[in-house]
Amino acid sequence: QVQLVESGGGLVQAGGSRKLSCAASGSISGISAMGWYRQAPGKQRELVAAIIRGGSTNYADSVKGRFTISRDNAKNTVYLQMNSLRPEDTGVYYCNAFQRSYNFWGQGTQVTVSS
């Protein structure tokens, strides 16, 4: 089992920045990719950014150039730096770990961007 704990959510004004953290623990060996998803009210959960074990990254078109995903292997932590935030970035942000065909999820952290 992999446990994921997110932190860093909160209320931020449009144009501002926020940094989310996701700490992984448990049986973390074999995790091949980690990512951030978000779910806005009334919408499906969508991929925001992902980083695979080799270091390659992938972003949703809507956040390219504004968000950056990174990791600290020594701390088993993945980060999402969010800049130039927009009201449409509002939602619950979930950390995800993909390991041996199984997805693990964190409990989510709310990010609210006010206009």
C-alpha atoms as a PDB file:
ATOM      1  CA  GLN A   1       0.000   0.000   0.000  1.00  0.00           C
ATOM      2  CA  VAL A   2       1.002   3.562  -0.732  1.00  0.00           C
ATOM      3  CA  GLN A   3      -0.200   6.439   1.402  1.00  0.00           C
ATOM      4  CA  LEU A   4      -0.324   9.939  -0.049  1.00  0.00           C
ATOM      5  CA  VAL A   5      -0.821  13.090   1.969  1.00  0.00           C
ATOM      6  CA  GLU A   6      -1.373  16.403   0.230  1.00  0.00           C
ATOM      7  CA  SER A   7      -0.889  19.832   1.703  1.00  0.00           C
ATOM      8  CA  GLY A   8      -0.699  23.428   0.585  1.00  0.00           C
ATOM      9  CA  GLY A   9      -4.208  24.151  -0.561  1.00  0.00           C
ATOM     10  CA  GLY A  10      -6.080  27.283   0.358  1.00  0.00           C
ATOM     11  CA  LEU A  11      -7.571  30.514  -0.896  1.00  0.00           C
ATOM     12  CA  VAL A  12      -5.563  32.629  -3.315  1.00  0.00           C
ATOM     13  CA  GLN A  13      -6.343  35.628  -5.469  1.00  0.00           C
ATOM     14  CA  ALA A  14      -6.278  35.419  -9.239  1.00  0.00           C
ATOM     15  CA  GLY A  15      -2.769  35.970 -10.519  1.00  0.00           C
ATOM     16  CA  GLY A  16      -1.264  34.593  -7.340  1.00  0.00           C
ATOM     17  CA  SER A  17       0.783  31.479  -6.670  1.00  0.00           C
ATOM     18  CA  ARG A  18       0.459  28.388  -4.555  1.00  0.00           C
ATOM     19  CA  LYS A  19       2.630  25.332  -3.994  1.00  0.00           C
ATOM     20  CA  LEU A  20       1.134  21.938  -3.266  1.00  0.00           C
ATOM     21  CA  SER A  21       3.043  19.071  -1.704  1.00  0.00           C
ATOM     22  CA  CYS A  22       2.361  15.350  -1.737  1.00  0.00           C
ATOM     23  CA  ALA A  23       4.277  13.118   0.642  1.00  0.00           C
ATOM     24  CA  ALA A  24       4.332   9.421  -0.200  1.00  0.00           C
ATOM     25  CA  SER A  25       4.890   6.659   2.330  1.00  0.00           C
ATOM     26  CA  GLY A  26       4.451   2.932   2.663  1.00  0.00           C
ATOM     27  CA  SER A  27       5.433   0.537  -0.106  1.00  0.00           C
ATOM     28  CA  ILE A  28       6.683   3.212  -2.478  1.00  0.00           C
ATOM     29  CA  SER A  29       9.161   1.121  -4.418  1.00  0.00           C
ATOM     30  CA  GLY A  30       7.867   0.401  -7.873  1.00  0.00           C
ATOM     31  CA  ILE A  31       5.958   3.644  -8.252  1.00  0.00           C
ATOM     32  CA  SER A  32       6.341   4.423 -11.932  1.00  0.00           C
ATOM     33  CA  ALA A  33       4.609   7.777 -12.060  1.00  0.00           C
ATOM     34  CA  MET A  34       3.068  10.398  -9.822  1.00  0.00           C
ATOM     35  CA  GLY A  35       0.739  13.160 -10.718  1.00  0.00           C
ATOM     36  CA  TRP A  36      -1.738  15.798  -9.725  1.00  0.00           C
ATOM     37  CA  TYR A  37      -5.380  15.696 -10.709  1.00  0.00           C
ATOM     38  CA  ARG A  38      -8.102  18.191  -9.947  1.00  0.00           C
ATOM     39  CA  GLN A  39     -11.853  18.079  -9.759  1.00  0.00           C
ATOM     40  CA  ALA A  40     -13.986  21.174 -10.051  1.00  0.00           C
ATOM     41  CA  PRO A  41     -17.586  21.194  -8.811  1.00  0.00           C
ATOM     42  CA  GLY A  42     -19.804  19.324 -11.234  1.00  0.00           C
ATOM     43  CA  LYS A  43     -16.906  18.222 -13.397  1.00  0.00           C
ATOM     44  CA  GLN A  44     -14.900  15.069 -13.824  1.00  0.00           C
ATOM     45  CA  ARG A  45     -11.499  14.639 -12.300  1.00  0.00           C
ATOM     46  CA  GLU A  46      -8.821  15.656 -14.792  1.00  0.00           C
ATOM     47  CA  LEU A  47      -5.071  15.262 -15.048  1.00  0.00           C
ATOM     48  CA  VAL A  48      -3.160  18.462 -14.314  1.00  0.00           C
ATOM     49  CA  ALA A  49       0.449  17.293 -14.366  1.00  0.00           C
ATOM     50  CA  ALA A  50       2.436  14.079 -14.091  1.00  0.00           C
ATOM     51  CA  ILE A  51       6.042  13.061 -13.646  1.00  0.00           C
ATOM     52  CA  ILE A  52       7.340   9.612 -14.453  1.00  0.00           C
ATOM     53  CA  ARG A  53      10.200   7.779 -12.798  1.00  0.00           C
ATOM     54  CA  GLY A  54      12.673   8.838 -15.486  1.00  0.00           C
ATOM     55  CA  GLY A  55      11.850  12.477 -14.870  1.00  0.00           C
ATOM     56  CA  SER A  56       9.736  13.281 -17.910  1.00  0.00           C
ATOM     57  CA  THR A  57       6.755  15.506 -17.250  1.00  0.00           C
ATOM     58  CA  ASN A  58       3.362  15.972 -18.823  1.00  0.00           C
ATOM     59  CA  TYR A  59       0.906  18.854 -18.406  1.00  0.00           C
ATOM     60  CA  ALA A  60      -2.659  19.636 -19.298  1.00  0.00           C
ATOM     61  CA  ASP A  61      -2.807  22.281 -22.002  1.00  0.00           C
ATOM     62  CA  SER A  62      -4.668  24.612 -19.657  1.00  0.00           C
ATOM     63  CA  VAL A  63      -1.746  24.793 -17.203  1.00  0.00           C
ATOM     64  CA  LYS A  64       1.267  24.659 -19.492  1.00  0.00           C
ATOM     65  CA  GLY A  65       3.626  27.533 -18.773  1.00  0.00           C
ATOM     66  CA  ARG A  66       1.950  28.258 -15.423  1.00  0.00           C
ATOM     67  CA  PHE A  67       2.318  25.058 -13.375  1.00  0.00           C
ATOM     68  CA  THR A  68       5.434  23.032 -12.679  1.00  0.00           C
ATOM     69  CA  ILE A  69       5.568  19.535 -11.234  1.00  0.00           C
ATOM     70  CA  SER A  70       8.731  18.420  -9.482  1.00  0.00           C
ATOM     71  CA  ARG A  71       9.879  15.831  -6.994  1.00  0.00           C
ATOM     72  CA  ASP A  72      12.335  15.362  -4.172  1.00  0.00           C
ATOM     73  CA  ASN A  73      13.289  11.697  -4.112  1.00  0.00           C
ATOM     74  CA  ALA A  74      15.050  12.026  -0.774  1.00  0.00           C
ATOM     75  CA  LYS A  75      11.814  13.225   0.815  1.00  0.00           C
ATOM     76  CA  ASN A  76       9.498  11.009  -1.274  1.00  0.00           C
ATOM     77  CA  THR A  77       7.580  14.152  -2.069  1.00  0.00           C
ATOM     78  CA  VAL A  78       6.086  15.569  -5.247  1.00  0.00           C
ATOM     79  CA  TYR A  79       5.292  19.237  -5.638  1.00  0.00           C
ATOM     80  CA  LEU A  80       3.035  21.307  -7.848  1.00  0.00           C
ATOM     81  CA  GLN A  81       4.050  24.935  -8.183  1.00  0.00           C
ATOM     82  CA  MET A  82       1.098  26.906  -9.473  1.00  0.00           C
ATOM     83  CA  ASN A  83       1.629  30.418 -10.797  1.00  0.00           C
ATOM     84  CA  SER A  84      -0.653  32.928 -12.490  1.00  0.00           C
ATOM     85  CA  LEU A  85      -3.648  31.204 -10.969  1.00  0.00           C
ATOM     86  CA  ARG A  86      -7.067  31.712 -12.514  1.00  0.00           C
ATOM     87  CA  PRO A  87     -10.556  31.230 -11.077  1.00  0.00           C
ATOM     88  CA  GLU A  88     -10.964  28.205 -13.362  1.00  0.00           C
ATOM     89  CA  ASP A  89      -8.098  26.520 -11.508  1.00  0.00           C
ATOM     90  CA  THR A  90     -10.393  26.196  -8.511  1.00  0.00           C
ATOM     91  CA  GLY A  91     -11.019  22.641  -7.386  1.00  0.00           C
ATOM     92  CA  VAL A  92      -9.916  19.800  -5.184  1.00  0.00           C
ATOM     93  CA  TYR A  93      -6.405  18.733  -6.097  1.00  0.00           C
ATOM     94  CA  TYR A  94      -5.571  15.074  -5.671  1.00  0.00           C
ATOM     95  CA  CYS A  95      -2.174  13.450  -5.637  1.00  0.00           C
ATOM     96  CA  ASN A  96      -1.891  10.183  -7.544  1.00  0.00           C
ATOM     97  CA  ALA A  97       0.690   7.421  -7.582  1.00  0.00           C
ATOM     98  CA  PHE A  98       0.723   4.684 -10.211  1.00  0.00           C
ATOM     99  CA  GLN A  99       2.294   1.433  -9.138  1.00  0.00           C
ATOM    100  CA  ARG A 100       2.065  -1.926 -10.873  1.00  0.00           C
ATOM    101  CA  SER A 101      -1.201  -1.127 -12.659  1.00  0.00           C
ATOM    102  CA  TYR A 102      -2.799   0.284  -9.535  1.00  0.00           C
ATOM    103  CA  ASN A 103      -3.685   3.877  -8.742  1.00  0.00           C
ATOM    104  CA  PHE A 104      -3.337   5.282  -5.251  1.00  0.00           C
ATOM    105  CA  TRP A 105      -4.953   8.575  -4.268  1.00  0.00           C
ATOM    106  CA  GLY A 106      -4.548  11.134  -1.571  1.00  0.00           C
ATOM    107  CA  GLN A 107      -7.465  12.690   0.271  1.00  0.00           C
ATOM    108  CA  GLY A 108      -7.312  15.886  -1.762  1.00  0.00           C
ATOM    109  CA  THR A 109      -6.639  19.503  -0.938  1.00  0.00           C
ATOM    110  CA  GLN A 110      -8.924  22.384  -1.872  1.00  0.00           C
ATOM    111  CA  VAL A 111      -7.584  25.254  -3.950  1.00  0.00           C
ATOM    112  CA  THR A 112      -9.872  28.234  -4.398  1.00  0.00           C
ATOM    113  CA  VAL A 113      -8.902  31.081  -6.693  1.00  0.00           C
ATOM    114  CA  SER A 114     -10.896  34.257  -6.202  1.00  0.00           C
ATOM    115  CA  SER A 115     -11.371  36.774  -8.987  1.00  0.00           C
END
